[in-house]
Protein backbone atom coordinates (compact mmCIF):
# COMPACT_ATOMS: atom_id res chain seq x y z
CA UNK A 1 -4.87 39.82 -20.79
CA UNK A 2 -5.72 37.95 -23.70
CA UNK A 3 -2.96 35.09 -25.06
CA UNK A 4 -0.10 36.18 -27.24
CA UNK A 5 -0.23 33.45 -31.03
CA UNK A 6 2.88 31.60 -28.42
CA UNK A 7 1.08 31.22 -25.86
CA UNK A 8 -2.04 29.68 -28.02
CA UNK A 9 -2.77 25.75 -28.45
CA UNK A 10 -2.86 23.89 -31.97
CA UNK A 11 -6.43 23.68 -31.34
CA UNK A 12 -6.57 27.27 -31.29
CA UNK A 13 -4.38 28.18 -34.17
CA UNK A 14 -5.79 25.80 -36.55
CA UNK A 15 -8.19 27.17 -37.95
CA UNK A 16 -7.10 30.41 -37.13
CA UNK A 17 -4.84 29.91 -40.06
CA UNK A 18 -7.34 28.20 -41.71
CA UNK A 19 -9.40 30.72 -42.71
CA UNK A 20 -6.44 32.88 -42.69
CA UNK A 21 -6.79 35.65 -40.08
CA UNK A 22 -3.24 34.77 -39.02
CA UNK A 23 -0.35 33.78 -40.76
CA UNK A 24 1.89 31.32 -39.91
CA UNK A 25 5.35 34.04 -39.81
CA UNK A 26 3.14 35.86 -37.07
CA UNK A 27 3.52 32.70 -34.86
CA UNK A 28 6.65 31.73 -35.75
CA UNK A 29 8.20 35.24 -34.83
CA UNK A 30 5.60 35.18 -31.80
CA UNK A 31 7.68 31.92 -30.97
CA UNK A 32 11.15 33.25 -31.59
CA UNK A 33 10.22 36.81 -29.51
CA UNK A 34 10.01 34.59 -26.31
CA UNK A 35 13.29 32.48 -27.16
CA UNK A 36 15.03 35.49 -27.63
CA UNK A 37 13.12 36.88 -24.15
CA UNK A 38 13.19 33.48 -21.85
CA UNK A 39 15.50 30.88 -23.36
CA UNK A 40 18.36 32.32 -21.97
CA UNK A 41 17.34 31.26 -18.38
CA UNK A 42 15.37 27.75 -19.16
CA UNK A 43 17.95 26.64 -21.79
CA UNK A 44 15.67 24.13 -23.21
CA UNK A 45 17.22 24.64 -26.81
CA UNK A 46 20.48 23.19 -28.63
CA UNK A 47 19.72 24.54 -31.82
CA UNK A 48 17.24 27.55 -33.10
CA UNK A 49 16.93 27.61 -36.82
CA UNK A 50 14.69 31.30 -37.10
CA UNK A 51 16.25 31.88 -40.74
CA UNK A 52 14.94 28.36 -41.70
CA UNK A 53 11.69 27.96 -39.95
CA UNK A 54 11.05 31.33 -41.55
CA UNK A 55 11.23 31.14 -44.66
CA UNK A 56 8.90 27.19 -44.02
CA UNK A 57 6.50 29.71 -42.74
CA UNK A 58 6.48 32.05 -45.86
CA UNK A 59 5.42 28.83 -47.47
CA UNK A 60 3.05 27.35 -45.58
CA UNK A 61 1.68 31.06 -45.81
CA UNK A 62 1.79 30.92 -49.69
CA UNK A 63 0.05 27.56 -50.07
CA UNK A 64 -2.80 28.41 -47.12
CA UNK A 65 -3.58 31.93 -49.12
CA UNK A 66 -3.34 29.50 -52.56
CA UNK A 67 -6.29 27.00 -51.25
CA UNK A 68 -3.33 24.05 -50.48
CA UNK A 69 -4.03 23.88 -46.54
CA UNK A 70 -2.77 20.70 -45.38
CA UNK A 71 -5.02 20.26 -42.16
CA UNK A 72 -4.45 21.06 -38.41
CA UNK A 73 -0.52 21.33 -38.09
CA UNK A 74 -0.18 23.63 -41.20
CA UNK A 75 2.14 26.40 -40.38
CA UNK A 76 2.30 25.16 -36.64
CA UNK A 77 5.82 25.70 -35.29
CA UNK A 78 7.32 23.11 -33.37
CA UNK A 79 11.19 22.40 -31.99
CA UNK A 80 11.73 18.29 -31.23
CA UNK A 81 13.21 16.51 -28.93
CA UNK A 82 17.47 16.31 -30.76
CA UNK A 83 16.65 12.81 -30.73
CA UNK A 84 14.94 12.61 -33.72
CA UNK A 85 16.94 12.16 -36.88
CA UNK A 86 16.54 15.35 -39.41
CA UNK A 87 17.72 14.76 -42.53
CA UNK A 88 21.23 16.23 -43.60
CA UNK A 89 20.90 17.68 -39.78
CA UNK A 90 22.87 17.26 -36.88
CA UNK A 91 21.35 15.38 -33.79
CA UNK A 92 23.40 15.93 -31.03
CA UNK A 93 21.29 12.96 -28.97
CA UNK A 94 22.35 15.06 -26.12
CA UNK A 95 26.00 14.04 -26.22
CA UNK A 96 29.59 14.62 -26.99
CA UNK A 97 30.25 11.61 -28.84
CA UNK A 98 27.44 12.06 -31.48
CA UNK A 99 27.59 16.31 -31.72
CA UNK A 100 28.67 16.41 -35.28
CA UNK A 101 26.04 13.28 -36.56
CA UNK A 102 24.22 13.92 -39.49
CA UNK A 103 21.34 11.68 -40.19
CA UNK A 104 20.85 10.79 -43.51
CA UNK A 105 17.06 10.21 -43.68
CA UNK A 106 14.25 12.05 -41.53
CA UNK A 107 12.44 9.70 -38.84
CA UNK A 108 9.63 8.51 -39.46
CA UNK A 109 7.65 11.09 -37.81
CA UNK A 110 9.85 14.27 -38.77
CA UNK A 111 8.62 13.12 -42.21
CA UNK A 112 5.00 12.73 -41.30
CA UNK A 113 5.22 16.17 -39.33
CA UNK A 114 7.29 17.59 -42.96
CA UNK A 115 4.42 16.35 -45.04
CA UNK A 116 1.76 17.92 -42.52
CA UNK A 117 3.58 21.51 -43.08
CA UNK A 118 4.92 21.83 -39.74
CA UNK A 119 7.20 24.59 -39.46
CA UNK A 120 10.36 23.95 -37.70
CA UNK A 121 11.99 26.39 -35.45
CA UNK A 122 14.63 24.37 -33.79
CA UNK A 123 16.07 21.51 -31.48
CA UNK A 124 15.45 20.76 -27.91
CA UNK A 125 17.71 20.12 -24.98
CA UNK A 126 17.58 16.10 -23.80
CA UNK A 127 19.08 13.92 -20.98
CA UNK A 128 22.39 12.66 -22.12
CA UNK A 129 21.79 9.62 -24.78
CA UNK A 130 18.12 10.15 -23.01
CA UNK A 131 19.64 8.38 -19.93
CA UNK A 132 17.91 10.11 -16.94
CA UNK A 133 15.18 12.12 -15.68
CA UNK A 134 16.96 15.43 -14.75
CA UNK A 135 17.74 17.09 -18.00
CA UNK A 136 20.88 18.23 -16.50
CA UNK A 137 22.82 17.96 -19.54
CA UNK A 138 26.86 18.08 -18.62
CA UNK A 139 27.66 19.08 -22.89
CA UNK A 140 24.73 21.60 -23.67
CA UNK A 141 23.88 22.86 -19.57
CA UNK A 142 20.81 21.58 -17.82
CA UNK A 143 17.28 22.64 -18.95
CA UNK A 144 15.62 24.60 -16.29
CA UNK A 145 11.86 23.99 -14.75
CA UNK A 146 9.99 27.34 -15.83
CA UNK A 147 7.89 27.06 -13.07
CA UNK A 148 10.95 27.62 -10.70
CA UNK A 149 14.20 27.95 -12.30
CA UNK A 150 16.16 26.15 -9.45
CA UNK A 151 13.60 22.91 -10.13
CA UNK A 152 14.97 20.06 -12.75
CA UNK A 153 12.07 19.47 -15.89
CA UNK A 154 12.18 15.69 -15.53
CA UNK A 155 13.94 14.28 -18.35
CA UNK A 156 15.00 12.68 -20.46
CA UNK A 157 12.69 14.74 -22.82
CA UNK A 158 13.00 17.78 -20.51
CA UNK A 159 13.68 20.49 -23.22
CA UNK A 160 10.28 19.85 -24.43
CA UNK A 161 8.81 19.87 -21.36
CA UNK A 162 10.33 23.18 -20.56
CA UNK A 163 9.74 24.22 -23.94
CA UNK A 164 6.03 23.67 -23.99
CA UNK A 165 5.24 25.05 -20.30
CA UNK A 166 7.23 28.57 -21.26
CA UNK A 167 5.54 28.88 -24.84
CA UNK A 168 8.59 28.12 -26.44
CA UNK A 169 6.94 25.98 -28.98
CA UNK A 170 3.24 25.32 -29.68
CA UNK A 171 4.07 21.94 -29.19
CA UNK A 172 6.47 19.04 -29.00
CA UNK A 173 8.03 15.16 -29.61
CA UNK A 174 9.44 13.78 -26.68
CA UNK A 175 10.55 9.85 -25.88
CA UNK A 176 9.73 7.44 -23.31
CA UNK A 177 11.43 4.45 -22.16
CA UNK A 178 10.42 4.78 -18.41
CA UNK A 179 8.75 8.05 -18.61
CA UNK A 180 10.49 10.30 -20.47
CA UNK A 181 7.84 11.81 -21.66
CA UNK A 182 5.23 11.77 -18.91
CA UNK A 183 7.92 12.89 -16.40
CA UNK A 184 8.74 16.32 -17.58
CA UNK A 185 5.03 16.49 -18.35
CA UNK A 186 4.38 16.10 -14.94
CA UNK A 187 6.82 18.00 -13.57
CA UNK A 188 6.24 21.06 -16.07
CA UNK A 189 2.49 20.90 -15.86
CA UNK A 190 1.67 20.09 -19.60
CA UNK A 191 0.15 17.10 -21.18
CA UNK A 192 2.50 14.35 -22.00
CA UNK A 193 0.84 11.15 -24.30
CA UNK A 194 2.89 7.62 -24.31
CA UNK A 195 0.58 5.57 -27.04
CA UNK A 196 0.80 1.56 -26.93
CA UNK A 197 4.14 0.25 -28.34
CA UNK A 198 3.71 -0.30 -32.10
CA UNK A 199 1.62 2.63 -32.22
CA UNK A 200 4.30 5.41 -33.55
CA UNK A 201 7.23 4.46 -35.42
CA UNK A 202 10.55 4.58 -34.44
CA UNK A 203 12.37 4.25 -37.48
CA UNK A 204 14.97 7.29 -37.16
CA UNK A 205 15.03 8.15 -33.39
CA UNK A 206 17.98 6.98 -31.45
CA UNK A 207 17.45 3.81 -29.19
CA UNK A 208 17.79 3.26 -25.19
CA UNK A 209 15.91 0.58 -25.33
CA UNK A 210 14.51 -1.47 -28.26
CA UNK A 211 11.67 -2.78 -26.44
CA UNK A 212 10.88 -0.15 -24.22
CA UNK A 213 11.11 2.88 -26.33
CA UNK A 214 8.03 4.94 -27.55
CA UNK A 215 7.41 8.24 -28.95
CA UNK A 216 4.57 10.40 -28.64
CA UNK A 217 3.51 14.07 -28.16
CA UNK A 218 4.20 16.74 -25.50
CA UNK A 219 1.37 19.79 -25.28
CA UNK A 220 -0.54 21.89 -23.93
CA UNK A 221 -4.08 20.69 -24.31
CA UNK A 222 -5.11 17.06 -24.09
CA UNK A 223 -6.56 18.00 -27.66
CA UNK A 224 -3.54 18.76 -28.79
CA UNK A 225 -2.26 15.44 -28.05
CA UNK A 226 -5.02 13.77 -29.62
CA UNK A 227 -4.70 16.17 -33.20
CA UNK A 228 -0.44 15.24 -32.95
CA UNK A 229 -1.33 11.44 -32.77
CA UNK A 230 -3.58 11.26 -36.21
CA UNK A 231 -0.17 12.63 -37.62
CA UNK A 232 2.24 10.54 -36.21
CA UNK A 233 0.60 7.03 -35.63
CA UNK A 234 0.35 4.59 -38.38
CA UNK A 235 2.70 1.73 -39.12
CA UNK A 236 5.95 1.68 -41.00
CA UNK A 237 7.89 -0.88 -42.49
CA UNK A 238 11.28 0.54 -41.59
CA UNK A 239 10.03 -0.48 -37.76
CA UNK A 240 9.41 -3.78 -37.09
CA UNK A 241 7.61 -2.96 -33.96
CA UNK A 242 4.73 -1.39 -35.32
CA UNK A 243 1.55 -2.87 -35.95
CA UNK A 244 -0.54 -2.69 -38.40
CA UNK A 245 -3.78 -1.55 -37.12
CA UNK A 246 -5.92 1.85 -38.95
CA UNK A 247 -5.17 4.94 -37.02
CA UNK A 248 -8.12 6.30 -34.86
CA UNK A 249 -9.55 10.51 -35.78
CA UNK A 250 -8.40 10.06 -31.70
CA UNK A 251 -9.71 13.71 -31.31
CA UNK A 252 -13.24 13.04 -32.13
CA UNK A 253 -13.66 10.75 -29.24
CA UNK A 254 -13.44 13.23 -26.99
CA UNK A 255 -16.75 13.83 -25.38
CA UNK A 256 -16.01 14.48 -21.74
CA UNK A 257 -18.55 11.76 -20.68
CA UNK A 258 -17.18 9.56 -18.67
CA UNK A 259 -20.45 8.43 -16.97
CA UNK A 260 -20.28 4.63 -15.86
CA UNK A 261 -16.56 3.82 -17.26
CA UNK A 262 -14.83 2.34 -14.39
CA UNK A 263 -11.83 3.66 -12.88
CA UNK A 264 -9.51 0.85 -11.26
CA UNK A 265 -6.76 1.88 -8.18
CA UNK A 266 -3.78 0.09 -7.55
CA UNK A 267 -2.81 1.69 -3.98
CA UNK A 268 -0.48 -1.15 -3.37
CA UNK A 269 2.07 0.06 -5.81
CA UNK A 270 1.23 3.67 -7.18
CA UNK A 271 -0.30 4.49 -3.66
CA UNK A 272 3.38 3.51 -1.83
CA UNK A 273 5.68 5.88 -1.49
CA UNK A 274 3.69 8.99 -2.79
CA UNK A 275 4.66 12.29 -1.84
CA UNK A 276 1.24 13.38 0.50
CA UNK A 277 0.45 16.56 -1.10
CA UNK A 278 0.95 14.45 -4.58
CA UNK A 279 -1.52 11.97 -3.04
CA UNK A 280 -4.29 14.07 -2.21
CA UNK A 281 -4.04 15.84 -5.36
CA UNK A 282 -4.65 12.52 -7.39
CA UNK A 283 -6.97 11.49 -4.86
CA UNK A 284 -9.37 15.04 -4.92
CA UNK A 285 -9.02 14.14 -9.09
CA UNK A 286 -9.96 10.90 -8.43
CA UNK A 287 -13.24 12.25 -6.40
CA UNK A 288 -14.10 14.73 -9.32
CA UNK A 289 -14.09 12.27 -12.10
CA UNK A 290 -16.41 9.87 -9.33
CA UNK A 291 -18.95 12.94 -9.28
CA UNK A 292 -18.68 13.11 -13.17
CA UNK A 293 -20.33 9.68 -13.14
CA UNK A 294 -17.25 7.00 -13.35
CA UNK A 295 -17.08 4.60 -11.13
CA UNK A 296 -14.07 3.41 -8.89
CA UNK A 297 -12.68 0.14 -8.23
CA UNK A 298 -10.09 -1.23 -5.88
CA UNK A 299 -7.30 -3.51 -7.92
CA UNK A 300 -4.93 -5.48 -7.37
CA UNK A 301 -1.76 -6.00 -10.02
CA UNK A 302 1.03 -8.40 -7.79
CA UNK A 303 3.96 -8.42 -10.03
CA UNK A 304 4.21 -4.57 -10.06
CA UNK A 305 6.20 -5.10 -6.88
CA UNK A 306 9.09 -6.29 -9.68
CA UNK A 307 8.12 -3.44 -12.12
CA UNK A 308 11.56 -1.41 -11.23
CA UNK A 309 13.75 -4.84 -11.38
CA UNK A 310 12.43 -5.57 -15.03
CA UNK A 311 12.26 -2.17 -15.86
CA UNK A 312 16.25 -2.07 -14.99
CA UNK A 313 17.15 -5.17 -16.22
CA UNK A 314 15.85 -4.69 -19.45
CA UNK A 315 16.85 -1.48 -20.06
CA UNK A 316 20.29 -1.27 -18.69
CA UNK A 317 20.97 -4.65 -20.77
CA UNK A 318 19.63 -3.34 -23.57
CA UNK A 319 21.15 0.26 -23.15
CA UNK A 320 24.39 -1.34 -22.37
CA UNK A 321 24.48 -3.02 -25.46
CA UNK A 322 24.18 -0.81 -27.81
CA UNK A 323 27.10 1.93 -26.21
CA UNK A 324 29.23 -1.00 -24.88
CA UNK A 325 31.93 0.08 -28.20
CA UNK A 326 32.08 3.47 -26.92
CA UNK A 327 31.79 2.99 -23.19
CA UNK A 328 35.32 0.76 -23.82
CA UNK A 329 36.87 3.08 -26.09
CA UNK A 330 35.33 6.44 -24.59
CA UNK A 331 34.50 6.51 -21.53
CA UNK A 332 35.62 9.83 -21.01
CA UNK A 333 33.59 11.71 -23.85
CA UNK A 334 30.20 10.71 -21.51
CA UNK A 335 28.84 12.57 -18.94
CA UNK A 336 29.81 11.15 -15.42
CA UNK A 337 25.99 9.58 -14.47
CA UNK A 338 25.22 8.16 -17.86
CA UNK A 339 29.10 6.89 -18.03
CA UNK A 340 28.22 4.93 -14.13
CA UNK A 341 24.73 4.16 -15.38
CA UNK A 342 26.61 2.26 -19.01
CA UNK A 343 29.45 0.66 -17.00
CA UNK A 344 27.09 -0.88 -14.66
CA UNK A 345 24.91 -1.95 -17.31
CA UNK A 346 27.79 -3.91 -18.58
CA UNK A 347 27.48 -5.83 -15.92
CA UNK A 348 23.91 -7.32 -16.46
CA UNK A 349 23.78 -10.77 -17.27
CA UNK A 350 21.39 -12.99 -19.34
CA UNK A 351 20.00 -14.71 -16.41
CA UNK A 352 18.81 -10.99 -15.11
CA UNK A 353 17.65 -10.47 -18.37
CA UNK A 354 15.57 -13.47 -19.28
CA UNK A 355 13.93 -13.14 -15.42
CA UNK A 356 12.48 -9.86 -16.31
CA UNK A 357 10.78 -10.68 -19.55
CA UNK A 358 9.47 -13.34 -17.11
CA UNK A 359 8.38 -10.59 -15.42
CA UNK A 360 7.15 -8.39 -18.13
CA UNK A 361 4.51 -11.45 -20.01
CA UNK A 362 3.15 -11.95 -16.14
CA UNK A 363 2.09 -8.15 -15.59
CA UNK A 364 0.95 -7.96 -19.29
CA UNK A 365 -1.27 -10.95 -17.83
CA UNK A 366 -2.10 -9.18 -15.38
CA UNK A 367 -3.60 -5.73 -16.76
CA UNK A 368 -5.05 -7.80 -19.42
CA UNK A 369 -7.16 -8.98 -17.03
CA UNK A 370 -7.55 -5.54 -15.04
CA UNK A 371 -8.37 -4.64 -17.72
CA UNK A 372 -11.18 -6.46 -18.62
CA UNK A 373 -12.64 -5.03 -15.27
CA UNK A 374 -11.90 -1.27 -15.93
CA UNK A 375 -12.09 0.88 -18.49
CA UNK A 376 -8.69 2.66 -17.12
CA UNK A 377 -6.56 2.62 -13.95
CA UNK A 378 -5.71 6.51 -12.53
CA UNK A 379 -2.28 7.26 -10.44
CA UNK A 380 0.10 9.42 -9.26
CA UNK A 381 2.45 10.57 -11.81
CA UNK A 382 5.51 11.50 -9.98
CA UNK A 383 6.01 9.81 -6.45
CA UNK A 384 8.01 13.27 -5.01
CA UNK A 385 7.78 16.96 -6.05
CA UNK A 386 10.81 17.80 -8.99
CA UNK A 387 13.62 18.15 -7.00
CA UNK A 388 16.58 20.83 -7.09
CA UNK A 389 18.74 20.08 -10.32
CA UNK A 390 21.46 18.47 -9.11
CA UNK A 391 19.49 16.57 -6.24
CA UNK A 392 19.85 12.81 -6.22
CA UNK A 393 16.61 12.07 -5.43
CA UNK A 394 15.80 12.47 -8.72
CA UNK A 395 16.61 8.67 -9.53
CA UNK A 396 13.42 8.20 -7.88
CA UNK A 397 10.90 10.44 -10.72
CA UNK A 398 10.47 6.60 -13.11
CA UNK A 399 9.02 4.70 -10.04
CA UNK A 400 4.93 5.10 -11.38
CA UNK A 401 5.98 5.50 -14.95
CA UNK A 402 7.48 2.42 -15.90
CA UNK A 403 5.03 -0.08 -16.08
CA UNK A 404 3.41 1.16 -18.79
CA UNK A 405 6.83 1.03 -20.75
CA UNK A 406 7.40 -2.60 -19.29
CA UNK A 407 3.59 -3.64 -21.16
CA UNK A 408 3.59 -1.24 -23.68
CA UNK A 409 0.82 -0.29 -23.01
CA UNK A 410 -0.96 3.92 -23.43
CA UNK A 411 -0.19 6.05 -20.86
CA UNK A 412 -1.17 9.81 -20.54
CA UNK A 413 0.03 12.57 -17.57
CA UNK A 414 -1.62 15.53 -17.49
CA UNK A 415 -1.77 18.06 -14.47
CA UNK A 416 -4.46 17.78 -11.44
CA UNK A 417 -3.19 20.73 -9.25
CA UNK A 418 -0.38 22.55 -8.06
CA UNK A 419 1.43 22.45 -4.71
CA UNK A 420 5.02 24.39 -3.31
CA UNK A 421 4.29 26.08 -6.37
CA UNK A 422 4.93 23.56 -8.83
CA UNK A 423 2.70 21.58 -10.60
CA UNK A 424 1.12 18.47 -9.68
CA UNK A 425 0.53 15.52 -12.47
CA UNK A 426 -1.97 12.51 -12.59
CA UNK A 427 -1.27 9.27 -14.85
CA UNK A 428 -4.35 7.85 -17.06
CA UNK A 429 -3.26 4.13 -18.54
CA UNK A 430 -5.45 2.39 -20.79
CA UNK A 431 -5.72 -0.99 -22.85
CA UNK A 432 -3.61 -1.50 -25.31
CA UNK A 433 -4.46 0.69 -28.73
CA UNK A 434 -7.45 2.26 -26.62
CA UNK A 435 -5.56 5.92 -26.78
CA UNK A 436 -8.99 6.96 -27.01
CA UNK A 437 -10.32 6.18 -24.24
CA UNK A 438 -7.46 7.32 -22.13
CA UNK A 439 -7.55 10.86 -23.90
CA UNK A 440 -11.23 11.32 -23.69
CA UNK A 441 -11.00 10.32 -19.55
CA UNK A 442 -8.16 13.18 -19.52
CA UNK A 443 -9.93 15.48 -21.71
CA UNK A 444 -12.49 15.13 -19.17
CA UNK A 445 -10.62 15.82 -16.22
CA UNK A 446 -8.73 18.39 -17.88
CA UNK A 447 -12.32 20.62 -18.23
CA UNK A 448 -12.10 20.89 -14.39
CA UNK A 449 -9.09 23.18 -15.05
CA UNK A 450 -7.07 22.22 -12.63
CA UNK A 451 -4.07 24.89 -12.58
CA UNK A 452 -6.98 27.15 -12.70
CA UNK A 453 -4.88 29.00 -15.40
CA UNK A 454 -1.87 29.47 -13.97
CA UNK A 455 1.65 29.63 -16.28
CA UNK A 456 4.90 29.67 -15.24
CA UNK A 457 6.61 33.25 -15.55
CA UNK A 458 3.41 35.45 -14.24
CA UNK A 459 5.49 38.13 -14.31
CA UNK A 460 5.66 38.43 -17.98
CA UNK A 461 2.04 39.19 -17.97
CA UNK A 462 3.68 42.96 -17.48
CA UNK A 463 5.64 42.53 -20.91
CA UNK A 464 4.41 42.60 -24.53
CA UNK A 465 5.50 39.34 -26.61
């Protein structure tokens, strides 16, 4: 059966929109048909804005028909994680405390997407205050993995991961402090890119940890991630962490040619305590890339053994500071797991924090030295398969994602196969501001069709949506 409009990617839809073969209204209506059919089960949306979205789609249709086509995102329906500010609209941040918060301005990335002509269909569920990896939200209900509704979709951007995987949005944005883009991407079988720290402005995004936070694309394909990054990247005077480096046309570097390029494998950390089926699939993927002409080199990054300590101390110290007043004055308004974590965070000392920053500096130096020898590092994304909703083993999911947050290096998750009826994610990490290199490796492997065309909700093939 051919794809419905909602099941298509940005790169498939944008030329059809440009050439007026399809209307933004038709695509948007296709998305809402799927939301109505499936999201009661998945619970990826916390707010659906159908009327406003249809109006926006009609405006995009008029602009395109008048010869005012703005580019690849014009008329594309998207829903974003409910941590990004929309001027004059509520941003609940997955919380009870902020459920009535109204933003005074758009987040920088929202503003850029509005300028590009994106049609916003609603806001997506998330782990409370982005502080966790399950999206088992006590205030808005758990988001469920569309491949298996008893499983978590990962977090904290679980609503984004699930919605993209189930074709309830064409693409999305997530935030990533310890893996919150890449973990749900792996769990839900989509592509999730954490850009280099400073590549995308975080202005207008509620922080979890100032020095670890990132914003990035969550998409159906690698090419879509490249396209979306082109629109959201760039320096912003309102975010002092952004860097004034020209934005590449990332999609133009997707040749799939990795012949002669070098893949680094750090086995002591990234292949330690990993599930057997996950390791087999990731090693098979590395073999496939080697067959494409890439070379493989075993590397050592000694400071990685302290990565979890450094990540936890940094995130807890910074996040605990952000929430210090509310945890004192209204602790019962937090969900249980978030409340426990924020209370623990109040005990982090300045010594703990400073030691963690020393580890970060050492790790950055070691990664920089490794990238003089190799082009990218390849590793598993999750150490275990997505657990059941409520299973405490989900606490281990960030083991392999946190090094890229500590170093600020670009990292992508993409599917590399199936196990136990669920997708398995592979992580590719690259040098700072070399997103094009990371994306091209991912693009090369994506061409092997690792999921064999499988999608969640196979039963829906018999339904006309």
